[in-house]
């Protein structure tokens, strides 16, 4: 259960950071965010990544926690890539 919480945080962070990129935002939101909304998504993404890292380190310690955090980020990015690919094929 602890692993899934960290994975959910990292995936939400990756979705938030993908929403700041022009091409990905076009697929997800139909228009890229501008100005303050873009900065808000960037801050939210990094805050969620920090929370995922802190959760993994608190659950597993520094050694395994950082490796677990890297796995969360990789799996979260993979899930976002799959979601965007699926959206592109259905558009």
C-alpha atoms as a PDB file:
ATOM      1  CA  UNK A   1       0.000   0.000   0.000  1.00  0.00           C
ATOM      2  CA  UNK A   2       2.848   2.361   0.825  1.00  0.00           C
ATOM      3  CA  UNK A   3       4.371   1.794  -2.598  1.00  0.00           C
ATOM      4  CA  UNK A   4       1.099   2.646  -4.351  1.00  0.00           C
ATOM      5  CA  UNK A   5       0.774   5.956  -2.495  1.00  0.00           C
ATOM      6  CA  UNK A   6       4.218   7.032  -3.661  1.00  0.00           C
ATOM      7  CA  UNK A   7       3.477   5.847  -7.180  1.00  0.00           C
ATOM      8  CA  UNK A   8       0.210   7.809  -7.237  1.00  0.00           C
ATOM      9  CA  UNK A   9       2.005  10.970  -6.066  1.00  0.00           C
ATOM     10  CA  UNK A  10       4.740  10.582  -8.685  1.00  0.00           C
ATOM     11  CA  UNK A  11       2.228   9.881 -11.454  1.00  0.00           C
ATOM     12  CA  UNK A  12       0.201  12.955 -10.497  1.00  0.00           C
ATOM     13  CA  UNK A  13       3.418  14.977 -10.548  1.00  0.00           C
ATOM     14  CA  UNK A  14       4.322  13.676 -13.997  1.00  0.00           C
ATOM     15  CA  UNK A  15       0.831  14.517 -15.299  1.00  0.00           C
ATOM     16  CA  UNK A  16       1.161  18.006 -13.851  1.00  0.00           C
ATOM     17  CA  UNK A  17       4.598  18.526 -15.409  1.00  0.00           C
ATOM     18  CA  UNK A  18       3.435  17.105 -18.751  1.00  0.00           C
ATOM     19  CA  UNK A  19       0.638  19.656 -18.702  1.00  0.00           C
ATOM     20  CA  UNK A  20       3.200  22.448 -18.873  1.00  0.00           C
ATOM     21  CA  UNK A  21       4.698  21.233 -22.165  1.00  0.00           C
ATOM     22  CA  UNK A  22       3.069  22.589 -25.306  1.00  0.00           C
ATOM     23  CA  UNK A  23       2.638  19.298 -27.168  1.00  0.00           C
ATOM     24  CA  UNK A  24       1.449  17.230 -24.207  1.00  0.00           C
ATOM     25  CA  UNK A  25      -0.857  19.971 -22.945  1.00  0.00           C
ATOM     26  CA  UNK A  26      -2.442  20.151 -26.377  1.00  0.00           C
ATOM     27  CA  UNK A  27      -3.354  16.456 -26.072  1.00  0.00           C
ATOM     28  CA  UNK A  28      -4.445  16.640 -22.432  1.00  0.00           C
ATOM     29  CA  UNK A  29      -6.069  20.064 -22.138  1.00  0.00           C
ATOM     30  CA  UNK A  30      -6.553  21.083 -25.806  1.00  0.00           C
ATOM     31  CA  UNK A  31      -4.548  24.274 -25.136  1.00  0.00           C
ATOM     32  CA  UNK A  32      -1.259  24.854 -23.343  1.00  0.00           C
ATOM     33  CA  UNK A  33      -1.512  26.807 -20.092  1.00  0.00           C
ATOM     34  CA  UNK A  34      -0.009  30.253 -20.046  1.00  0.00           C
ATOM     35  CA  UNK A  35       1.558  32.467 -17.400  1.00  0.00           C
ATOM     36  CA  UNK A  36       0.522  31.876 -13.827  1.00  0.00           C
ATOM     37  CA  UNK A  37      -1.296  28.612 -14.534  1.00  0.00           C
ATOM     38  CA  UNK A  38       1.854  27.122 -16.081  1.00  0.00           C
ATOM     39  CA  UNK A  39       3.963  28.196 -13.099  1.00  0.00           C
ATOM     40  CA  UNK A  40       1.344  26.743 -10.768  1.00  0.00           C
ATOM     41  CA  UNK A  41       1.476  23.380 -12.570  1.00  0.00           C
ATOM     42  CA  UNK A  42       5.279  23.356 -12.381  1.00  0.00           C
ATOM     43  CA  UNK A  43       5.243  24.135  -8.647  1.00  0.00           C
ATOM     44  CA  UNK A  44       2.546  21.511  -8.057  1.00  0.00           C
ATOM     45  CA  UNK A  45       4.547  18.920 -10.002  1.00  0.00           C
ATOM     46  CA  UNK A  46       7.719  19.507  -8.010  1.00  0.00           C
ATOM     47  CA  UNK A  47       5.776  19.593  -4.735  1.00  0.00           C
ATOM     48  CA  UNK A  48       4.207  16.218  -5.559  1.00  0.00           C
ATOM     49  CA  UNK A  49       7.602  14.793  -6.527  1.00  0.00           C
ATOM     50  CA  UNK A  50       9.032  16.012  -3.219  1.00  0.00           C
ATOM     51  CA  UNK A  51       6.131  14.426  -1.353  1.00  0.00           C
ATOM     52  CA  UNK A  52       6.688  11.143  -3.178  1.00  0.00           C
ATOM     53  CA  UNK A  53      10.384  11.209  -2.307  1.00  0.00           C
ATOM     54  CA  UNK A  54       9.694  12.057   1.334  1.00  0.00           C
ATOM     55  CA  UNK A  55       7.108   9.289   1.563  1.00  0.00           C
ATOM     56  CA  UNK A  56       9.483   6.695   0.107  1.00  0.00           C
ATOM     57  CA  UNK A  57      12.357   7.736   2.374  1.00  0.00           C
ATOM     58  CA  UNK A  58      10.087   7.733   5.435  1.00  0.00           C
ATOM     59  CA  UNK A  59       8.783   4.270   4.587  1.00  0.00           C
ATOM     60  CA  UNK A  60      12.012   2.547   3.535  1.00  0.00           C
ATOM     61  CA  UNK A  61      14.959   4.641   4.761  1.00  0.00           C
ATOM     62  CA  UNK A  62      17.454   6.582   2.653  1.00  0.00           C
ATOM     63  CA  UNK A  63      19.008   3.710   0.721  1.00  0.00           C
ATOM     64  CA  UNK A  64      15.958   1.808  -0.472  1.00  0.00           C
ATOM     65  CA  UNK A  65      13.740   4.906  -0.303  1.00  0.00           C
ATOM     66  CA  UNK A  66      15.668   6.774  -2.992  1.00  0.00           C
ATOM     67  CA  UNK A  67      15.731   3.714  -5.236  1.00  0.00           C
ATOM     68  CA  UNK A  68      11.990   3.302  -4.674  1.00  0.00           C
ATOM     69  CA  UNK A  69      11.470   6.974  -5.499  1.00  0.00           C
ATOM     70  CA  UNK A  70      13.371   6.518  -8.789  1.00  0.00           C
ATOM     71  CA  UNK A  71      11.087   3.581  -9.576  1.00  0.00           C
ATOM     72  CA  UNK A  72       8.032   5.731  -8.790  1.00  0.00           C
ATOM     73  CA  UNK A  73       9.228   8.452 -11.160  1.00  0.00           C
ATOM     74  CA  UNK A  74      10.036   5.992 -13.960  1.00  0.00           C
ATOM     75  CA  UNK A  75       6.712   4.182 -13.664  1.00  0.00           C
ATOM     76  CA  UNK A  76       4.813   7.470 -13.401  1.00  0.00           C
ATOM     77  CA  UNK A  77       6.485   8.805 -16.545  1.00  0.00           C
ATOM     78  CA  UNK A  78       5.747   5.535 -18.337  1.00  0.00           C
ATOM     79  CA  UNK A  79       2.074   5.747 -17.347  1.00  0.00           C
ATOM     80  CA  UNK A  80       1.857   9.330 -18.630  1.00  0.00           C
ATOM     81  CA  UNK A  81       3.474   8.254 -21.919  1.00  0.00           C
ATOM     82  CA  UNK A  82       0.937   5.436 -22.265  1.00  0.00           C
ATOM     83  CA  UNK A  83      -1.952   7.799 -21.479  1.00  0.00           C
ATOM     84  CA  UNK A  84      -0.756  10.364 -24.032  1.00  0.00           C
ATOM     85  CA  UNK A  85      -0.231   7.693 -26.681  1.00  0.00           C
ATOM     86  CA  UNK A  86      -3.729   6.350 -26.084  1.00  0.00           C
ATOM     87  CA  UNK A  87      -5.186   9.869 -26.289  1.00  0.00           C
ATOM     88  CA  UNK A  88      -3.322  10.530 -29.539  1.00  0.00           C
ATOM     89  CA  UNK A  89      -4.624   7.331 -31.164  1.00  0.00           C
ATOM     90  CA  UNK A  90      -8.209   8.105 -30.163  1.00  0.00           C
ATOM     91  CA  UNK A  91      -8.154  11.738 -31.315  1.00  0.00           C
END
